[in-house]
Amino acid sequence: MELSSPLAYAEDPRTAADKAAALESAGLDAVWVAEAYGFDSPTIMGYLAARTERMRIGSAVLNVYSRTPALIAQTAAGLDAISGGRAVLGVGASGPQVVEGWHGRVYDRPLGRAREVIELCRRIWRREVIEHHGITDLPVPPEKGGTLGKPLKLLNHPVRDTIPVYLAALGPASVRTAAEIADGWLPFLYAPEHAEKVWGPALDEGTAKRDPALGPLQVVAGGLLAIGDDAAAVRDLMRPTVALYVGGMGAPGRNFYFDLVCSYGYEAAATAVQEHYLAGRKKDAEAAVPAELLEKLCLAGPEGYVRDRVEVFREAGVTMLNVTPVGPDPARLIEHVRSWL
């Protein structure tokens, strides 16, 4: 099992990158850079490439609406070049509120778009001359207004022609797609005890169609990391995040995270979180998040307990443990967990 961490999103990106570089020295294998509707991730990923030497740098995630497939491929190839072959391309649909509210794109055909992006990225990195007609037309045909376009291939020679592509997915159809065509899968709010029940059938169905040349599907999941007799209290730091996603990331009936928590068996709690959050009662929403769920989403407690949690994630199929170390010495926490893997 490998070890990764998400880049701290809310703080100054240069400070966050400095901290990530320190974690690299402690044994971190990869860092993941989010985007949402804040700073763009490729800029920060480029800075991370300059500040680090060994660990992989992944986007988690670039959404498949706001950039063309060709630009996504160019971005990943550029990052791979300046990092010396350490790029990981994490892509996903993002949510309708961000896609339509921030990027001004209609949220349609998310799985079709993800498939198209992955297919075109791989063809572009192989420097094929690209002619493709699907959701995206390359080049734009005359009947759709095209006049001067012609099939092109990537101008530069990539460092690698097979940059790993990880797909962010939660619902059965998208998880099935990840297992079929992606190098890796990026779930969120991952409770390993429920993984087989919630995602097992979709993973099996996708794997049955998987090209053996891709190798086994890599799975990246984890949570807050804290070790100590009083570390269990750290789990409460997850309350605002869970409340935000379950309560506020989508309207009723169109919220992936709400549906996920319901599938874990917390339907009544999820409903209470959503009702409070949408009514503006954020603290009540946070309080309604079940402590049992927070425990499953974190690796926080005495050393023996955390070590057991690592094994629970491993047994659930996680190949890269993605942790956010909490405490005065994050590097020491990473070194500690690294020694177990």
C-alpha atoms as a PDB file:
ATOM      1  CA  MET A   1       0.000   0.000   0.000  1.00  0.00           C
ATOM      2  CA  GLU A   2       1.230   3.494  -0.869  1.00  0.00           C
ATOM      3  CA  LEU A   3       0.698   6.694   1.078  1.00  0.00           C
ATOM      4  CA  SER A   4      -0.613  10.042  -0.171  1.00  0.00           C
ATOM      5  CA  SER A   5      -2.121  13.239   1.158  1.00  0.00           C
ATOM      6  CA  PRO A   6      -4.406  15.959  -0.198  1.00  0.00           C
ATOM      7  CA  LEU A   7      -2.828  19.396  -0.452  1.00  0.00           C
ATOM      8  CA  ALA A   8      -4.237  21.748   2.180  1.00  0.00           C
ATOM      9  CA  TYR A   9      -6.787  23.662   0.136  1.00  0.00           C
ATOM     10  CA  ALA A  10      -7.764  26.592   2.330  1.00  0.00           C
ATOM     11  CA  GLU A  11      -4.318  28.003   3.088  1.00  0.00           C
ATOM     12  CA  ASP A  12      -1.736  29.880   1.027  1.00  0.00           C
ATOM     13  CA  PRO A  13      -0.705  27.478  -1.763  1.00  0.00           C
ATOM     14  CA  ARG A  14       3.000  28.229  -1.347  1.00  0.00           C
ATOM     15  CA  THR A  15       2.824  27.386   2.338  1.00  0.00           C
ATOM     16  CA  ALA A  16       0.840  24.238   1.537  1.00  0.00           C
ATOM     17  CA  ALA A  17       3.440  23.228  -1.056  1.00  0.00           C
ATOM     18  CA  ASP A  18       6.253  23.726   1.439  1.00  0.00           C
ATOM     19  CA  LYS A  19       4.436  21.436   3.857  1.00  0.00           C
ATOM     20  CA  ALA A  20       3.922  18.861   1.093  1.00  0.00           C
ATOM     21  CA  ALA A  21       7.646  18.911   0.344  1.00  0.00           C
ATOM     22  CA  ALA A  22       8.337  18.144   4.006  1.00  0.00           C
ATOM     23  CA  LEU A  23       5.945  15.206   3.851  1.00  0.00           C
ATOM     24  CA  GLU A  24       7.765  13.908   0.780  1.00  0.00           C
ATOM     25  CA  SER A  25      10.906  13.682   2.904  1.00  0.00           C
ATOM     26  CA  ALA A  26       8.891  11.751   5.490  1.00  0.00           C
ATOM     27  CA  GLY A  27       7.902   9.115   2.936  1.00  0.00           C
ATOM     28  CA  LEU A  28       4.798  10.410   1.179  1.00  0.00           C
ATOM     29  CA  ASP A  29       4.324   8.795  -2.249  1.00  0.00           C
ATOM     30  CA  ALA A  30       1.868  11.271  -3.793  1.00  0.00           C
ATOM     31  CA  VAL A  31       0.015  14.529  -3.227  1.00  0.00           C
ATOM     32  CA  TRP A  32      -3.434  15.355  -4.610  1.00  0.00           C
ATOM     33  CA  VAL A  33      -4.471  18.888  -5.557  1.00  0.00           C
ATOM     34  CA  ALA A  34      -8.145  19.853  -5.558  1.00  0.00           C
ATOM     35  CA  GLU A  35      -9.706  22.613  -7.629  1.00  0.00           C
ATOM     36  CA  ALA A  36     -13.468  23.068  -7.055  1.00  0.00           C
ATOM     37  CA  TYR A  37     -14.150  26.794  -7.607  1.00  0.00           C
ATOM     38  CA  GLY A  38     -11.018  28.174  -5.955  1.00  0.00           C
ATOM     39  CA  PHE A  39      -7.463  28.363  -7.245  1.00  0.00           C
ATOM     40  CA  ASP A  40      -6.875  26.244 -10.336  1.00  0.00           C
ATOM     41  CA  SER A  41      -4.943  23.054  -9.635  1.00  0.00           C
ATOM     42  CA  PRO A  42      -2.501  22.935 -12.607  1.00  0.00           C
ATOM     43  CA  THR A  43      -0.758  26.150 -11.514  1.00  0.00           C
ATOM     44  CA  ILE A  44      -0.238  24.781  -8.012  1.00  0.00           C
ATOM     45  CA  MET A  45       0.768  21.378  -9.377  1.00  0.00           C
ATOM     46  CA  GLY A  46       3.469  23.029 -11.461  1.00  0.00           C
ATOM     47  CA  TYR A  47       4.802  24.795  -8.381  1.00  0.00           C
ATOM     48  CA  LEU A  48       4.754  21.487  -6.499  1.00  0.00           C
ATOM     49  CA  ALA A  49       6.768  19.884  -9.288  1.00  0.00           C
ATOM     50  CA  ALA A  50       9.483  22.471  -8.702  1.00  0.00           C
ATOM     51  CA  ARG A  51       9.369  22.059  -4.907  1.00  0.00           C
ATOM     52  CA  THR A  52       9.544  18.255  -4.840  1.00  0.00           C
ATOM     53  CA  GLU A  53      11.741  15.553  -6.302  1.00  0.00           C
ATOM     54  CA  ARG A  54      10.175  12.130  -5.925  1.00  0.00           C
ATOM     55  CA  MET A  55       6.484  12.044  -5.100  1.00  0.00           C
ATOM     56  CA  ARG A  56       3.766  11.934  -7.724  1.00  0.00           C
ATOM     57  CA  ILE A  57       1.513  14.952  -8.221  1.00  0.00           C
ATOM     58  CA  GLY A  58      -2.138  14.332  -8.984  1.00  0.00           C
ATOM     59  CA  SER A  59      -5.173  16.439  -9.798  1.00  0.00           C
ATOM     60  CA  ALA A  60      -8.182  15.537  -7.684  1.00  0.00           C
ATOM     61  CA  VAL A  61      -9.935  16.499  -9.796  1.00  0.00           C
ATOM     62  CA  LEU A  62     -10.013  18.344 -13.105  1.00  0.00           C
ATOM     63  CA  ASN A  63     -13.651  18.409 -14.139  1.00  0.00           C
ATOM     64  CA  VAL A  64     -14.523  17.270 -17.647  1.00  0.00           C
ATOM     65  CA  TYR A  65     -16.701  20.290 -18.473  1.00  0.00           C
ATOM     66  CA  SER A  66     -14.543  23.395 -18.027  1.00  0.00           C
ATOM     67  CA  ARG A  67     -11.611  22.306 -20.215  1.00  0.00           C
ATOM     68  CA  THR A  68     -11.585  20.612 -23.596  1.00  0.00           C
ATOM     69  CA  PRO A  69     -10.270  17.040 -23.735  1.00  0.00           C
ATOM     70  CA  ALA A  70      -7.259  18.254 -25.716  1.00  0.00           C
ATOM     71  CA  LEU A  71      -6.414  20.903 -23.117  1.00  0.00           C
ATOM     72  CA  ILE A  72      -6.697  18.357 -20.309  1.00  0.00           C
ATOM     73  CA  ALA A  73      -4.269  16.131 -22.216  1.00  0.00           C
ATOM     74  CA  GLN A  74      -1.885  19.053 -22.803  1.00  0.00           C
ATOM     75  CA  THR A  75      -1.995  20.028 -19.130  1.00  0.00           C
ATOM     76  CA  ALA A  76      -1.190  16.509 -17.948  1.00  0.00           C
ATOM     77  CA  ALA A  77       1.600  16.143 -20.514  1.00  0.00           C
ATOM     78  CA  GLY A  78       3.074  19.496 -19.504  1.00  0.00           C
ATOM     79  CA  LEU A  79       3.016  18.595 -15.819  1.00  0.00           C
ATOM     80  CA  ASP A  80       4.556  15.222 -16.595  1.00  0.00           C
ATOM     81  CA  ALA A  81       7.360  16.963 -18.478  1.00  0.00           C
ATOM     82  CA  ILE A  82       8.288  19.475 -15.784  1.00  0.00           C
ATOM     83  CA  SER A  83       8.001  16.882 -13.005  1.00  0.00           C
ATOM     84  CA  GLY A  84      10.073  14.258 -14.787  1.00  0.00           C
ATOM     85  CA  GLY A  85       7.258  11.774 -15.234  1.00  0.00           C
ATOM     86  CA  ARG A  86       5.453  12.189 -11.913  1.00  0.00           C
ATOM     87  CA  ALA A  87       2.017  13.384 -13.081  1.00  0.00           C
ATOM     88  CA  VAL A  88      -1.254  11.657 -12.289  1.00  0.00           C
ATOM     89  CA  LEU A  89      -4.377  12.911 -14.027  1.00  0.00           C
ATOM     90  CA  GLY A  90      -7.435  12.761 -11.807  1.00  0.00           C
ATOM     91  CA  VAL A  91     -10.631  13.684 -13.664  1.00  0.00           C
ATOM     92  CA  GLY A  92     -14.312  13.701 -12.821  1.00  0.00           C
ATOM     93  CA  ALA A  93     -17.647  15.307 -13.495  1.00  0.00           C
ATOM     94  CA  SER A  94     -17.687  17.586 -10.439  1.00  0.00           C
ATOM     95  CA  GLY A  95     -21.193  18.600  -9.346  1.00  0.00           C
ATOM     96  CA  PRO A  96     -24.016  20.322 -11.223  1.00  0.00           C
ATOM     97  CA  GLN A  97     -23.926  23.416  -9.012  1.00  0.00           C
ATOM     98  CA  VAL A  98     -20.256  24.075  -9.778  1.00  0.00           C
ATOM     99  CA  VAL A  99     -20.442  23.090 -13.443  1.00  0.00           C
ATOM    100  CA  GLU A 100     -23.510  25.195 -14.210  1.00  0.00           C
ATOM    101  CA  GLY A 101     -23.116  27.917 -11.591  1.00  0.00           C
ATOM    102  CA  TRP A 102     -19.409  28.586 -11.923  1.00  0.00           C
ATOM    103  CA  HIS A 103     -18.330  27.290 -15.320  1.00  0.00           C
ATOM    104  CA  GLY A 104     -21.525  28.084 -17.193  1.00  0.00           C
ATOM    105  CA  ARG A 105     -21.791  24.662 -18.795  1.00  0.00           C
ATOM    106  CA  VAL A 106     -24.880  22.471 -18.918  1.00  0.00           C
ATOM    107  CA  TYR A 107     -24.410  19.420 -16.712  1.00  0.00           C
ATOM    108  CA  ASP A 108     -25.123  16.678 -19.225  1.00  0.00           C
ATOM    109  CA  ARG A 109     -23.681  13.281 -20.149  1.00  0.00           C
ATOM    110  CA  PRO A 110     -21.124  13.115 -17.303  1.00  0.00           C
ATOM    111  CA  LEU A 111     -20.091   9.526 -17.974  1.00  0.00           C
ATOM    112  CA  GLY A 112     -19.906  10.043 -21.711  1.00  0.00           C
ATOM    113  CA  ARG A 113     -17.683  13.053 -21.170  1.00  0.00           C
ATOM    114  CA  ALA A 114     -15.416  11.169 -18.782  1.00  0.00           C
ATOM    115  CA  ARG A 115     -15.033   8.297 -21.233  1.00  0.00           C
ATOM    116  CA  GLU A 116     -14.275  10.684 -24.053  1.00  0.00           C
ATOM    117  CA  VAL A 117     -11.680  12.616 -22.063  1.00  0.00           C
ATOM    118  CA  ILE A 118      -9.863   9.440 -21.015  1.00  0.00           C
ATOM    119  CA  GLU A 119      -9.913   8.017 -24.548  1.00  0.00           C
ATOM    120  CA  LEU A 120      -8.709  11.237 -26.176  1.00  0.00           C
ATOM    121  CA  CYS A 121      -6.014  11.892 -23.563  1.00  0.00           C
ATOM    122  CA  ARG A 122      -4.495   8.490 -24.176  1.00  0.00           C
ATOM    123  CA  ARG A 123      -4.580   8.962 -27.945  1.00  0.00           C
ATOM    124  CA  ILE A 124      -3.093  12.449 -27.699  1.00  0.00           C
ATOM    125  CA  TRP A 125      -0.235  11.284 -25.452  1.00  0.00           C
ATOM    126  CA  ARG A 126       0.552   8.616 -28.074  1.00  0.00           C
ATOM    127  CA  ARG A 127       0.794  11.512 -30.545  1.00  0.00           C
ATOM    128  CA  GLU A 128      -1.903  10.159 -32.803  1.00  0.00           C
ATOM    129  CA  VAL A 129      -3.370  12.478 -35.393  1.00  0.00           C
ATOM    130  CA  ILE A 130      -6.723  13.133 -33.770  1.00  0.00           C
ATOM    131  CA  GLU A 131      -9.963  12.804 -35.636  1.00  0.00           C
ATOM    132  CA  HIS A 132     -12.862  12.166 -33.299  1.00  0.00           C
ATOM    133  CA  HIS A 133     -16.581  12.812 -33.440  1.00  0.00           C
ATOM    134  CA  GLY A 134     -18.617  12.391 -30.296  1.00  0.00           C
ATOM    135  CA  ILE A 135     -19.553  14.886 -27.599  1.00  0.00           C
ATOM    136  CA  THR A 136     -16.497  16.776 -28.815  1.00  0.00           C
ATOM    137  CA  ASP A 137     -15.725  17.082 -32.531  1.00  0.00           C
ATOM    138  CA  LEU A 138     -12.092  17.166 -33.563  1.00  0.00           C
ATOM    139  CA  PRO A 139     -11.941  18.902 -35.927  1.00  0.00           C
ATOM    140  CA  VAL A 140     -15.287  20.709 -36.009  1.00  0.00           C
ATOM    141  CA  PRO A 141     -17.058  19.498 -39.197  1.00  0.00           C
ATOM    142  CA  PRO A 142     -18.515  21.927 -41.757  1.00  0.00           C
ATOM    143  CA  GLU A 143     -22.087  20.977 -40.846  1.00  0.00           C
ATOM    144  CA  LYS A 144     -21.414  22.268 -37.326  1.00  0.00           C
ATOM    145  CA  GLY A 145     -19.792  25.492 -38.463  1.00  0.00           C
ATOM    146  CA  GLY A 146     -16.205  24.340 -38.906  1.00  0.00           C
ATOM    147  CA  THR A 147     -14.199  26.019 -41.661  1.00  0.00           C
ATOM    148  CA  LEU A 148     -10.437  25.821 -41.133  1.00  0.00           C
ATOM    149  CA  GLY A 149      -9.867  23.001 -38.670  1.00  0.00           C
ATOM    150  CA  LYS A 150      -7.763  19.993 -39.585  1.00  0.00           C
ATOM    151  CA  PRO A 151      -6.711  16.893 -37.637  1.00  0.00           C
ATOM    152  CA  LEU A 152      -3.645  17.567 -35.486  1.00  0.00           C
ATOM    153  CA  LYS A 153      -1.317  15.712 -33.150  1.00  0.00           C
ATOM    154  CA  LEU A 154       0.433  16.886 -29.992  1.00  0.00           C
ATOM    155  CA  LEU A 155       3.314  19.157 -30.940  1.00  0.00           C
ATOM    156  CA  ASN A 156       5.657  18.047 -28.145  1.00  0.00           C
ATOM    157  CA  HIS A 157       6.933  14.560 -27.432  1.00  0.00           C
ATOM    158  CA  PRO A 158       5.560  13.609 -23.990  1.00  0.00           C
ATOM    159  CA  VAL A 159       7.834  12.220 -21.302  1.00  0.00           C
ATOM    160  CA  ARG A 160       5.387   9.316 -21.046  1.00  0.00           C
ATOM    161  CA  ASP A 161       2.692   8.220 -23.448  1.00  0.00           C
ATOM    162  CA  THR A 162       0.721   6.455 -20.685  1.00  0.00           C
ATOM    163  CA  ILE A 163       0.139   8.968 -17.896  1.00  0.00           C
ATOM    164  CA  PRO A 164      -2.056   7.320 -15.219  1.00  0.00           C
ATOM    165  CA  VAL A 165      -5.680   8.479 -15.282  1.00  0.00           C
ATOM    166  CA  TYR A 166      -7.798   8.247 -12.141  1.00  0.00           C
ATOM    167  CA  LEU A 167     -11.555   8.771 -12.233  1.00  0.00           C
ATOM    168  CA  ALA A 168     -13.478  10.362  -9.364  1.00  0.00           C
ATOM    169  CA  ALA A 169     -16.678   8.366  -9.003  1.00  0.00           C
ATOM    170  CA  LEU A 170     -19.372   7.593  -6.436  1.00  0.00           C
ATOM    171  CA  GLY A 171     -22.501   6.264  -8.155  1.00  0.00           C
ATOM    172  CA  PRO A 172     -22.717   2.696  -9.516  1.00  0.00           C
ATOM    173  CA  ALA A 173     -22.506   3.690 -13.187  1.00  0.00           C
ATOM    174  CA  SER A 174     -19.488   5.943 -12.714  1.00  0.00           C
ATOM    175  CA  VAL A 175     -17.706   3.429 -10.462  1.00  0.00           C
ATOM    176  CA  ARG A 176     -18.356   0.739 -13.073  1.00  0.00           C
ATOM    177  CA  THR A 177     -16.770   3.039 -15.658  1.00  0.00           C
ATOM    178  CA  ALA A 178     -13.731   3.641 -13.449  1.00  0.00           C
ATOM    179  CA  ALA A 179     -13.210  -0.084 -13.008  1.00  0.00           C
ATOM    180  CA  GLU A 180     -13.523  -0.620 -16.752  1.00  0.00           C
ATOM    181  CA  ILE A 181     -11.327   2.105 -18.252  1.00  0.00           C
ATOM    182  CA  ALA A 182      -9.359   4.074 -15.631  1.00  0.00           C
ATOM    183  CA  ASP A 183      -5.990   3.333 -14.080  1.00  0.00           C
ATOM    184  CA  GLY A 184      -7.355   4.308 -10.693  1.00  0.00           C
ATOM    185  CA  TRP A 185     -10.475   5.271  -8.763  1.00  0.00           C
ATOM    186  CA  LEU A 186     -10.901   8.323  -6.510  1.00  0.00           C
ATOM    187  CA  PRO A 187     -13.894   7.849  -4.177  1.00  0.00           C
ATOM    188  CA  PHE A 188     -14.845  10.395  -1.519  1.00  0.00           C
ATOM    189  CA  LEU A 189     -16.276   9.965   1.990  1.00  0.00           C
ATOM    190  CA  TYR A 190     -15.068   6.376   1.746  1.00  0.00           C
ATOM    191  CA  ALA A 191     -16.164   4.136   4.616  1.00  0.00           C
ATOM    192  CA  PRO A 192     -14.255   0.877   4.071  1.00  0.00           C
ATOM    193  CA  GLU A 193     -16.669  -1.221   6.117  1.00  0.00           C
ATOM    194  CA  HIS A 194     -19.412  -0.428   3.596  1.00  0.00           C
ATOM    195  CA  ALA A 195     -17.330  -0.479   0.402  1.00  0.00           C
ATOM    196  CA  GLU A 196     -18.187  -4.001  -0.722  1.00  0.00           C
ATOM    197  CA  LYS A 197     -21.920  -3.529  -0.128  1.00  0.00           C
ATOM    198  CA  VAL A 198     -22.100  -0.157  -1.865  1.00  0.00           C
ATOM    199  CA  TRP A 199     -19.573  -0.521  -4.699  1.00  0.00           C
ATOM    200  CA  GLY A 200     -18.702  -4.213  -4.955  1.00  0.00           C
ATOM    201  CA  PRO A 201     -21.137  -5.137  -7.745  1.00  0.00           C
ATOM    202  CA  ALA A 202     -20.233  -2.085  -9.847  1.00  0.00           C
ATOM    203  CA  LEU A 203     -16.520  -2.759  -9.428  1.00  0.00           C
ATOM    204  CA  ASP A 204     -16.984  -6.381 -10.417  1.00  0.00           C
ATOM    205  CA  GLU A 205     -19.019  -5.482 -13.506  1.00  0.00           C
ATOM    206  CA  GLY A 206     -16.495  -2.895 -14.647  1.00  0.00           C
ATOM    207  CA  THR A 207     -13.530  -5.160 -13.989  1.00  0.00           C
ATOM    208  CA  ALA A 208     -15.106  -7.883 -16.139  1.00  0.00           C
ATOM    209  CA  LYS A 209     -14.802  -5.503 -19.132  1.00  0.00           C
ATOM    210  CA  ARG A 210     -11.371  -4.161 -18.188  1.00  0.00           C
ATOM    211  CA  ASP A 211      -8.425  -4.408 -20.569  1.00  0.00           C
ATOM    212  CA  PRO A 212      -5.847  -6.599 -18.770  1.00  0.00           C
ATOM    213  CA  ALA A 213      -3.113  -4.297 -20.092  1.00  0.00           C
ATOM    214  CA  LEU A 214      -4.316  -1.637 -17.634  1.00  0.00           C
ATOM    215  CA  GLY A 215      -3.376  -3.789 -14.670  1.00  0.00           C
ATOM    216  CA  PRO A 216      -5.387  -3.882 -11.439  1.00  0.00           C
ATOM    217  CA  LEU A 217      -7.513  -0.859 -10.576  1.00  0.00           C
ATOM    218  CA  GLN A 218      -5.767   1.403  -8.058  1.00  0.00           C
ATOM    219  CA  VAL A 219      -7.980   2.770  -5.257  1.00  0.00           C
ATOM    220  CA  VAL A 220      -7.169   5.976  -3.362  1.00  0.00           C
ATOM    221  CA  ALA A 221      -9.014   6.554  -0.075  1.00  0.00           C
ATOM    222  CA  GLY A 222      -8.442   7.472   3.550  1.00  0.00           C
ATOM    223  CA  GLY A 223      -9.221  10.340   5.906  1.00  0.00           C
ATOM    224  CA  LEU A 224      -7.996  12.428   8.810  1.00  0.00           C
ATOM    225  CA  LEU A 225      -4.986  10.887  10.538  1.00  0.00           C
ATOM    226  CA  ALA A 226      -4.202  11.369  14.237  1.00  0.00           C
ATOM    227  CA  ILE A 227      -2.493   9.062  16.729  1.00  0.00           C
ATOM    228  CA  GLY A 228      -2.792   9.340  20.503  1.00  0.00           C
ATOM    229  CA  ASP A 229      -4.979   8.519  23.469  1.00  0.00           C
ATOM    230  CA  ASP A 230      -7.039  11.672  22.872  1.00  0.00           C
ATOM    231  CA  ALA A 231      -6.851  11.596  19.072  1.00  0.00           C
ATOM    232  CA  ALA A 232     -10.426  10.372  18.628  1.00  0.00           C
ATOM    233  CA  ALA A 233     -11.559  13.966  19.185  1.00  0.00           C
ATOM    234  CA  VAL A 234      -9.969  14.841  15.839  1.00  0.00           C
ATOM    235  CA  ARG A 235     -12.849  13.046  14.080  1.00  0.00           C
ATOM    236  CA  ASP A 236     -15.080  16.005  14.904  1.00  0.00           C
ATOM    237  CA  LEU A 237     -12.972  18.129  12.552  1.00  0.00           C
ATOM    238  CA  MET A 238     -14.678  16.203   9.748  1.00  0.00           C
ATOM    239  CA  ARG A 239     -18.151  17.399  10.771  1.00  0.00           C
ATOM    240  CA  PRO A 240     -18.127  20.627   8.702  1.00  0.00           C
ATOM    241  CA  THR A 241     -16.889  18.774   5.601  1.00  0.00           C
ATOM    242  CA  VAL A 242     -19.462  15.991   5.841  1.00  0.00           C
ATOM    243  CA  ALA A 243     -22.243  18.491   6.555  1.00  0.00           C
ATOM    244  CA  LEU A 244     -21.197  20.626   3.585  1.00  0.00           C
ATOM    245  CA  TYR A 245     -21.157  17.764   1.110  1.00  0.00           C
ATOM    246  CA  VAL A 246     -24.152  15.809   2.381  1.00  0.00           C
ATOM    247  CA  GLY A 247     -26.200  18.921   3.088  1.00  0.00           C
ATOM    248  CA  GLY A 248     -25.091  21.519   0.597  1.00  0.00           C
ATOM    249  CA  MET A 249     -23.442  19.986  -2.465  1.00  0.00           C
ATOM    250  CA  GLY A 250     -26.573  19.702  -4.555  1.00  0.00           C
ATOM    251  CA  ALA A 251     -30.294  20.153  -4.321  1.00  0.00           C
ATOM    252  CA  PRO A 252     -32.566  17.523  -2.732  1.00  0.00           C
ATOM    253  CA  GLY A 253     -32.697  14.581  -5.099  1.00  0.00           C
ATOM    254  CA  ARG A 254     -29.487  15.643  -6.883  1.00  0.00           C
ATOM    255  CA  ASN A 255     -26.762  15.194  -4.300  1.00  0.00           C
ATOM    256  CA  PHE A 256     -24.288  12.319  -4.808  1.00  0.00           C
ATOM    257  CA  TYR A 257     -22.918  12.573  -1.279  1.00  0.00           C
ATOM    258  CA  PHE A 258     -26.344  12.484   0.350  1.00  0.00           C
ATOM    259  CA  ASP A 259     -27.127   9.344  -1.648  1.00  0.00           C
ATOM    260  CA  LEU A 260     -23.833   7.785  -0.614  1.00  0.00           C
ATOM    261  CA  VAL A 261     -24.363   8.328   3.105  1.00  0.00           C
ATOM    262  CA  CYS A 262     -27.883   6.926   2.747  1.00  0.00           C
ATOM    263  CA  SER A 263     -26.424   3.821   1.095  1.00  0.00           C
ATOM    264  CA  TYR A 264     -24.166   3.407   4.136  1.00  0.00           C
ATOM    265  CA  GLY A 265     -27.320   3.083   6.253  1.00  0.00           C
ATOM    266  CA  TYR A 266     -27.569   6.627   7.651  1.00  0.00           C
ATOM    267  CA  GLU A 267     -30.633   7.817   5.743  1.00  0.00           C
ATOM    268  CA  ALA A 268     -32.349   9.498   8.691  1.00  0.00           C
ATOM    269  CA  ALA A 269     -29.163  11.310   9.701  1.00  0.00           C
ATOM    270  CA  ALA A 270     -28.440  12.359   6.112  1.00  0.00           C
ATOM    271  CA  THR A 271     -31.948  13.779   5.804  1.00  0.00           C
ATOM    272  CA  ALA A 272     -31.515  15.751   9.020  1.00  0.00           C
ATOM    273  CA  VAL A 273     -28.122  17.075   7.887  1.00  0.00           C
ATOM    274  CA  GLN A 274     -29.559  18.188   4.559  1.00  0.00           C
ATOM    275  CA  GLU A 275     -32.632  19.822   6.057  1.00  0.00           C
ATOM    276  CA  HIS A 276     -30.561  21.776   8.584  1.00  0.00           C
ATOM    277  CA  TYR A 277     -27.946  22.791   6.047  1.00  0.00           C
ATOM    278  CA  LEU A 278     -30.374  24.010   3.384  1.00  0.00           C
ATOM    279  CA  ALA A 279     -32.235  25.987   6.046  1.00  0.00           C
ATOM    280  CA  GLY A 280     -29.002  27.768   6.971  1.00  0.00           C
ATOM    281  CA  ARG A 281     -28.536  25.928  10.283  1.00  0.00           C
ATOM    282  CA  LYS A 282     -24.977  24.789   9.592  1.00  0.00           C
ATOM    283  CA  LYS A 283     -24.040  24.048  13.186  1.00  0.00           C
ATOM    284  CA  ASP A 284     -27.139  21.898  13.593  1.00  0.00           C
ATOM    285  CA  ALA A 285     -26.215  20.111  10.365  1.00  0.00           C
ATOM    286  CA  GLU A 286     -22.740  19.408  11.702  1.00  0.00           C
ATOM    287  CA  ALA A 287     -24.157  18.129  14.980  1.00  0.00           C
ATOM    288  CA  ALA A 288     -26.456  15.749  13.085  1.00  0.00           C
ATOM    289  CA  VAL A 289     -23.538  13.907  11.444  1.00  0.00           C
ATOM    290  CA  PRO A 290     -23.335  10.522  13.228  1.00  0.00           C
ATOM    291  CA  ALA A 291     -20.214   9.926  15.313  1.00  0.00           C
ATOM    292  CA  GLU A 292     -20.162   6.356  14.014  1.00  0.00           C
ATOM    293  CA  LEU A 293     -19.862   7.615  10.438  1.00  0.00           C
ATOM    294  CA  LEU A 294     -17.046   9.995  11.372  1.00  0.00           C
ATOM    295  CA  GLU A 295     -15.169   7.113  12.964  1.00  0.00           C
ATOM    296  CA  LYS A 296     -15.394   5.111   9.739  1.00  0.00           C
ATOM    297  CA  LEU A 297     -14.188   8.037   7.624  1.00  0.00           C
ATOM    298  CA  CYS A 298     -11.084   8.714   9.762  1.00  0.00           C
ATOM    299  CA  LEU A 299      -7.950   7.057  11.084  1.00  0.00           C
ATOM    300  CA  ALA A 300      -7.865   8.722  14.502  1.00  0.00           C
ATOM    301  CA  GLY A 301      -7.254   7.146  17.898  1.00  0.00           C
ATOM    302  CA  PRO A 302      -4.599   5.259  19.871  1.00  0.00           C
ATOM    303  CA  GLU A 303      -1.750   3.729  17.881  1.00  0.00           C
ATOM    304  CA  GLY A 304      -3.055   0.169  17.915  1.00  0.00           C
ATOM    305  CA  TYR A 305      -6.495   1.339  16.833  1.00  0.00           C
ATOM    306  CA  VAL A 306      -5.105   3.387  13.926  1.00  0.00           C
ATOM    307  CA  ARG A 307      -2.932   0.511  12.824  1.00  0.00           C
ATOM    308  CA  ASP A 308      -6.042  -1.685  12.727  1.00  0.00           C
ATOM    309  CA  ARG A 309      -7.866   1.002  10.703  1.00  0.00           C
ATOM    310  CA  VAL A 310      -5.076   0.955   8.134  1.00  0.00           C
ATOM    311  CA  GLU A 311      -5.621  -2.771   7.708  1.00  0.00           C
ATOM    312  CA  VAL A 312      -9.385  -2.266   7.339  1.00  0.00           C
ATOM    313  CA  PHE A 313      -8.726   0.113   4.453  1.00  0.00           C
ATOM    314  CA  ARG A 314      -6.224  -2.311   2.933  1.00  0.00           C
ATOM    315  CA  GLU A 315      -8.642  -5.236   3.176  1.00  0.00           C
ATOM    316  CA  ALA A 316     -11.360  -3.142   1.510  1.00  0.00           C
ATOM    317  CA  GLY A 317      -9.131  -2.847  -1.562  1.00  0.00           C
ATOM    318  CA  VAL A 318      -7.443   0.518  -1.000  1.00  0.00           C
ATOM    319  CA  THR A 319      -4.023   0.571  -2.681  1.00  0.00           C
ATOM    320  CA  MET A 320      -3.076   4.155  -1.765  1.00  0.00           C
ATOM    321  CA  LEU A 321      -3.982   5.401   1.687  1.00  0.00           C
ATOM    322  CA  ASN A 322      -4.813   9.100   1.372  1.00  0.00           C
ATOM    323  CA  VAL A 323      -4.475  10.797   4.756  1.00  0.00           C
ATOM    324  CA  THR A 324      -4.582  14.300   6.189  1.00  0.00           C
ATOM    325  CA  PRO A 325      -2.235  14.328   9.192  1.00  0.00           C
ATOM    326  CA  VAL A 326      -3.544  16.383  12.114  1.00  0.00           C
ATOM    327  CA  GLY A 327      -1.235  17.485  14.903  1.00  0.00           C
ATOM    328  CA  PRO A 328       1.888  19.496  15.654  1.00  0.00           C
ATOM    329  CA  ASP A 329       4.224  17.193  13.692  1.00  0.00           C
ATOM    330  CA  PRO A 330       2.583  15.964  10.454  1.00  0.00           C
ATOM    331  CA  ALA A 331       5.857  14.593   9.079  1.00  0.00           C
ATOM    332  CA  ARG A 332       6.296  12.344  12.097  1.00  0.00           C
ATOM    333  CA  LEU A 333       2.764  10.978  11.621  1.00  0.00           C
ATOM    334  CA  ILE A 334       3.548  10.193   7.985  1.00  0.00           C
ATOM    335  CA  GLU A 335       6.801   8.485   8.952  1.00  0.00           C
ATOM    336  CA  HIS A 336       4.936   6.442  11.554  1.00  0.00           C
ATOM    337  CA  VAL A 337       2.253   5.192   9.174  1.00  0.00           C
ATOM    338  CA  ARG A 338       4.815   4.693   6.402  1.00  0.00           C
ATOM    339  CA  SER A 339       6.629   2.203   8.645  1.00  0.00           C
ATOM    340  CA  TRP A 340       3.480   0.065   8.823  1.00  0.00           C
ATOM    341  CA  LEU A 341       2.966  -0.192   5.086  1.00  0.00           C
END
